[in-house]
């Protein structure tokens, strides 16, 4: 509650990624506890240390990197020619 009141008093209303993109934020023991409780659902997520806080989050790969090799023209490959007399 104090953190929220301080932020509002300081007129700090910008989006902070550690709160909006993380599953858990806090002390190392808290974040480790959450990761253990999530069990298989936390697979691939890493605990990152930033300033004095720890965050449980999943690194986001570049969107284009996943699809670059799959782009291709399907034009004539999807065509059937009828023999009409």
N, C-alpha and C. Protein backbone atom coordinates (compact mmCIF):
# COMPACT_ATOMS: atom_id res chain seq x y z
N UNK A 1 0.82 -1.19 0.00
CA UNK A 1 0.00 0.00 0.00
C UNK A 1 0.87 1.25 0.00
N UNK A 2 1.95 1.23 0.78
CA UNK A 2 2.85 2.39 0.85
C UNK A 2 3.51 2.65 -0.50
N UNK A 3 3.92 1.57 -1.18
CA UNK A 3 4.56 1.73 -2.49
C UNK A 3 3.61 2.38 -3.49
N UNK A 4 2.36 1.98 -3.48
CA UNK A 4 1.36 2.56 -4.38
C UNK A 4 1.15 4.03 -4.05
N UNK A 5 1.00 4.35 -2.77
CA UNK A 5 0.80 5.74 -2.37
C UNK A 5 2.00 6.61 -2.73
N UNK A 6 3.21 6.08 -2.57
CA UNK A 6 4.41 6.84 -2.94
C UNK A 6 4.44 7.11 -4.44
N UNK A 7 4.10 6.10 -5.24
CA UNK A 7 4.11 6.28 -6.69
C UNK A 7 3.07 7.30 -7.14
N UNK A 8 1.89 7.25 -6.53
CA UNK A 8 0.85 8.21 -6.89
C UNK A 8 1.23 9.62 -6.46
N UNK A 9 1.86 9.76 -5.29
CA UNK A 9 2.28 11.07 -4.81
C UNK A 9 3.38 11.66 -5.68
N UNK A 10 4.24 10.80 -6.22
CA UNK A 10 5.34 11.25 -7.09
C UNK A 10 4.88 11.43 -8.53
N UNK A 11 3.61 11.21 -8.79
CA UNK A 11 3.03 11.32 -10.13
C UNK A 11 3.74 10.40 -11.12
N UNK A 12 4.10 9.21 -10.64
CA UNK A 12 4.77 8.22 -11.46
C UNK A 12 3.74 7.22 -11.97
N UNK A 13 3.08 7.55 -13.07
CA UNK A 13 1.99 6.72 -13.58
C UNK A 13 2.36 5.96 -14.85
N UNK A 14 3.65 5.86 -15.14
CA UNK A 14 4.07 5.15 -16.34
C UNK A 14 4.08 3.64 -16.09
N UNK A 15 3.98 2.90 -17.15
CA UNK A 15 3.98 1.43 -17.07
C UNK A 15 5.36 0.95 -16.67
N UNK A 16 5.42 0.02 -15.73
CA UNK A 16 6.68 -0.55 -15.28
C UNK A 16 6.68 -2.03 -15.61
N UNK A 17 7.59 -2.43 -16.50
CA UNK A 17 7.56 -3.79 -17.04
C UNK A 17 7.76 -4.86 -15.98
N UNK A 18 8.47 -4.56 -14.90
CA UNK A 18 8.67 -5.61 -13.90
C UNK A 18 7.35 -6.04 -13.28
N UNK A 19 6.35 -5.17 -13.26
CA UNK A 19 5.05 -5.51 -12.69
C UNK A 19 4.10 -6.05 -13.74
N UNK A 20 4.21 -5.61 -14.97
CA UNK A 20 3.24 -6.01 -15.99
C UNK A 20 3.67 -7.23 -16.80
N UNK A 21 4.96 -7.57 -16.80
CA UNK A 21 5.44 -8.67 -17.62
C UNK A 21 5.98 -9.84 -16.79
N UNK A 22 5.90 -9.75 -15.49
CA UNK A 22 6.45 -10.79 -14.61
C UNK A 22 5.33 -11.59 -13.96
N UNK A 23 5.64 -12.83 -13.64
CA UNK A 23 4.69 -13.67 -12.93
C UNK A 23 4.76 -13.37 -11.44
N UNK A 24 5.99 -13.12 -10.94
CA UNK A 24 6.18 -12.80 -9.52
C UNK A 24 7.31 -11.81 -9.39
N UNK A 25 7.19 -10.89 -8.45
CA UNK A 25 8.21 -9.89 -8.17
C UNK A 25 8.35 -9.78 -6.66
N UNK A 26 9.60 -9.76 -6.19
CA UNK A 26 9.82 -9.60 -4.75
C UNK A 26 11.17 -10.13 -4.34
N UNK A 27 11.25 -10.64 -3.12
CA UNK A 27 12.51 -11.18 -2.61
C UNK A 27 12.82 -12.49 -3.33
N UNK A 28 14.08 -12.90 -3.24
CA UNK A 28 14.49 -14.12 -3.92
C UNK A 28 13.72 -15.33 -3.39
N UNK A 29 13.55 -15.41 -2.08
CA UNK A 29 12.84 -16.55 -1.50
C UNK A 29 11.37 -16.58 -1.93
N UNK A 30 10.73 -15.40 -2.02
CA UNK A 30 9.33 -15.33 -2.48
C UNK A 30 9.20 -15.82 -3.91
N UNK A 31 10.07 -15.34 -4.79
CA UNK A 31 10.00 -15.71 -6.22
C UNK A 31 10.31 -17.20 -6.39
N UNK A 32 11.28 -17.73 -5.64
CA UNK A 32 11.58 -19.16 -5.72
C UNK A 32 10.39 -20.00 -5.24
N UNK A 33 9.71 -19.55 -4.18
CA UNK A 33 8.53 -20.25 -3.67
C UNK A 33 7.43 -20.29 -4.72
N UNK A 34 7.18 -19.17 -5.39
CA UNK A 34 6.16 -19.12 -6.44
C UNK A 34 6.53 -20.05 -7.59
N UNK A 35 7.80 -20.05 -7.98
CA UNK A 35 8.24 -20.92 -9.07
C UNK A 35 8.04 -22.38 -8.70
N UNK A 36 8.37 -22.74 -7.47
CA UNK A 36 8.18 -24.13 -7.02
C UNK A 36 6.70 -24.50 -6.98
N UNK A 37 5.86 -23.58 -6.56
CA UNK A 37 4.42 -23.85 -6.50
C UNK A 37 3.81 -24.00 -7.89
N UNK A 38 4.35 -23.29 -8.85
CA UNK A 38 3.85 -23.39 -10.23
C UNK A 38 4.29 -24.67 -10.90
N UNK A 39 5.34 -25.29 -10.38
CA UNK A 39 5.83 -26.58 -10.84
C UNK A 39 6.05 -26.59 -12.35
N UNK A 40 5.35 -27.44 -13.05
CA UNK A 40 5.53 -27.60 -14.49
C UNK A 40 5.13 -26.35 -15.27
N UNK A 41 4.24 -25.55 -14.73
CA UNK A 41 3.80 -24.33 -15.42
C UNK A 41 4.88 -23.25 -15.44
N UNK A 42 5.91 -23.40 -14.61
CA UNK A 42 7.01 -22.43 -14.57
C UNK A 42 8.20 -22.90 -15.40
N UNK A 43 8.04 -23.98 -16.12
CA UNK A 43 9.13 -24.51 -16.93
C UNK A 43 9.54 -23.48 -17.99
N UNK A 44 10.84 -23.24 -18.10
CA UNK A 44 11.35 -22.28 -19.08
C UNK A 44 11.38 -20.85 -18.58
N UNK A 45 10.86 -20.61 -17.40
CA UNK A 45 10.88 -19.26 -16.85
C UNK A 45 12.08 -19.12 -15.94
N UNK A 46 12.70 -17.95 -15.96
CA UNK A 46 13.93 -17.72 -15.21
C UNK A 46 13.70 -16.68 -14.12
N UNK A 47 14.49 -16.82 -13.07
CA UNK A 47 14.49 -15.82 -12.01
C UNK A 47 15.58 -14.81 -12.35
N UNK A 48 15.18 -13.57 -12.54
CA UNK A 48 16.11 -12.50 -12.89
C UNK A 48 16.24 -11.53 -11.72
N UNK A 49 17.46 -11.06 -11.50
CA UNK A 49 17.69 -10.06 -10.46
C UNK A 49 17.82 -8.70 -11.12
N UNK A 50 17.03 -7.75 -10.64
CA UNK A 50 17.07 -6.40 -11.18
C UNK A 50 17.00 -5.43 -10.01
N UNK A 51 18.03 -4.63 -9.87
CA UNK A 51 18.18 -3.72 -8.73
C UNK A 51 18.13 -4.54 -7.44
N UNK A 52 17.16 -4.30 -6.61
CA UNK A 52 17.06 -5.04 -5.34
C UNK A 52 15.97 -6.10 -5.38
N UNK A 53 15.24 -6.19 -6.49
CA UNK A 53 14.13 -7.12 -6.61
C UNK A 53 14.51 -8.31 -7.49
N UNK A 54 13.74 -9.36 -7.34
CA UNK A 54 13.86 -10.53 -8.20
C UNK A 54 12.55 -10.69 -8.94
N UNK A 55 12.64 -11.22 -10.18
CA UNK A 55 11.45 -11.37 -11.01
C UNK A 55 11.43 -12.76 -11.62
N UNK A 56 10.25 -13.36 -11.68
CA UNK A 56 10.06 -14.62 -12.39
C UNK A 56 9.38 -14.28 -13.70
N UNK A 57 10.11 -14.50 -14.79
CA UNK A 57 9.53 -14.16 -16.09
C UNK A 57 10.08 -15.07 -17.17
N UNK A 58 9.41 -15.03 -18.29
CA UNK A 58 9.81 -15.82 -19.46
C UNK A 58 10.37 -14.86 -20.49
N UNK A 59 11.54 -15.19 -21.02
CA UNK A 59 12.12 -14.33 -22.04
C UNK A 59 11.32 -14.47 -23.32
N UNK A 60 11.04 -13.35 -23.95
CA UNK A 60 10.25 -13.34 -25.17
C UNK A 60 11.17 -13.36 -26.38
N UNK A 61 11.09 -14.39 -27.23
CA UNK A 61 11.91 -14.41 -28.44
C UNK A 61 11.39 -13.40 -29.45
N UNK A 62 12.25 -13.00 -30.33
CA UNK A 62 11.84 -12.08 -31.39
C UNK A 62 10.79 -12.74 -32.27
N UNK A 63 9.73 -12.03 -32.58
CA UNK A 63 8.62 -12.59 -33.37
C UNK A 63 9.09 -13.02 -34.75
N UNK A 64 9.87 -12.18 -35.43
CA UNK A 64 10.30 -12.49 -36.79
C UNK A 64 11.26 -13.66 -36.85
N UNK A 65 12.04 -13.86 -35.79
CA UNK A 65 13.01 -14.94 -35.78
C UNK A 65 12.37 -16.31 -35.87
N UNK A 66 11.16 -16.45 -35.45
CA UNK A 66 10.48 -17.74 -35.45
C UNK A 66 9.99 -18.09 -36.85
N UNK A 67 9.60 -17.12 -37.64
CA UNK A 67 8.94 -17.37 -38.91
C UNK A 67 9.77 -17.10 -40.15
N UNK A 68 11.00 -16.60 -40.02
CA UNK A 68 11.77 -16.23 -41.20
C UNK A 68 11.93 -17.36 -42.21
N UNK A 69 12.24 -18.57 -41.76
CA UNK A 69 12.48 -19.67 -42.68
C UNK A 69 11.21 -20.26 -43.26
N UNK A 70 10.05 -19.86 -42.81
CA UNK A 70 8.80 -20.46 -43.26
C UNK A 70 8.06 -19.59 -44.28
N UNK A 71 8.57 -18.44 -44.58
CA UNK A 71 7.89 -17.57 -45.54
C UNK A 71 8.16 -18.07 -46.96
N UNK A 72 7.11 -18.25 -47.72
CA UNK A 72 7.26 -18.72 -49.09
C UNK A 72 5.97 -18.44 -49.84
N UNK A 73 6.09 -18.28 -51.15
CA UNK A 73 4.91 -18.06 -51.98
C UNK A 73 4.26 -19.40 -52.27
N UNK A 74 2.96 -19.51 -52.02
CA UNK A 74 2.26 -20.77 -52.27
C UNK A 74 1.43 -20.71 -53.54
N UNK A 75 1.60 -19.67 -54.32
CA UNK A 75 0.80 -19.42 -55.51
C UNK A 75 0.41 -20.64 -56.33
N UNK A 76 1.24 -21.12 -57.24
CA UNK A 76 0.88 -22.18 -58.18
C UNK A 76 0.87 -23.57 -57.53
N UNK A 77 1.43 -23.72 -56.39
CA UNK A 77 1.47 -25.02 -55.74
C UNK A 77 0.09 -25.47 -55.28
N UNK A 78 -0.81 -24.53 -55.16
CA UNK A 78 -2.15 -24.83 -54.66
C UNK A 78 -3.17 -24.71 -55.80
N UNK A 79 -2.79 -25.19 -57.00
CA UNK A 79 -3.64 -25.04 -58.17
C UNK A 79 -3.90 -26.39 -58.81
N UNK A 80 -5.13 -26.59 -59.26
CA UNK A 80 -5.49 -27.80 -60.00
C UNK A 80 -6.09 -27.37 -61.32
N UNK A 81 -5.51 -27.85 -62.41
CA UNK A 81 -6.00 -27.48 -63.73
C UNK A 81 -6.98 -28.52 -64.24
N UNK A 82 -8.15 -28.08 -64.67
CA UNK A 82 -9.19 -28.96 -65.18
C UNK A 82 -9.00 -29.18 -66.68
N UNK A 83 -9.28 -30.36 -67.11
CA UNK A 83 -9.25 -30.65 -68.55
C UNK A 83 -10.67 -30.42 -69.08
N UNK A 84 -10.94 -29.23 -69.54
CA UNK A 84 -12.26 -28.89 -70.05
C UNK A 84 -12.18 -28.86 -71.57
N UNK A 85 -13.06 -29.62 -72.22
CA UNK A 85 -13.06 -29.67 -73.69
C UNK A 85 -14.09 -28.76 -74.27
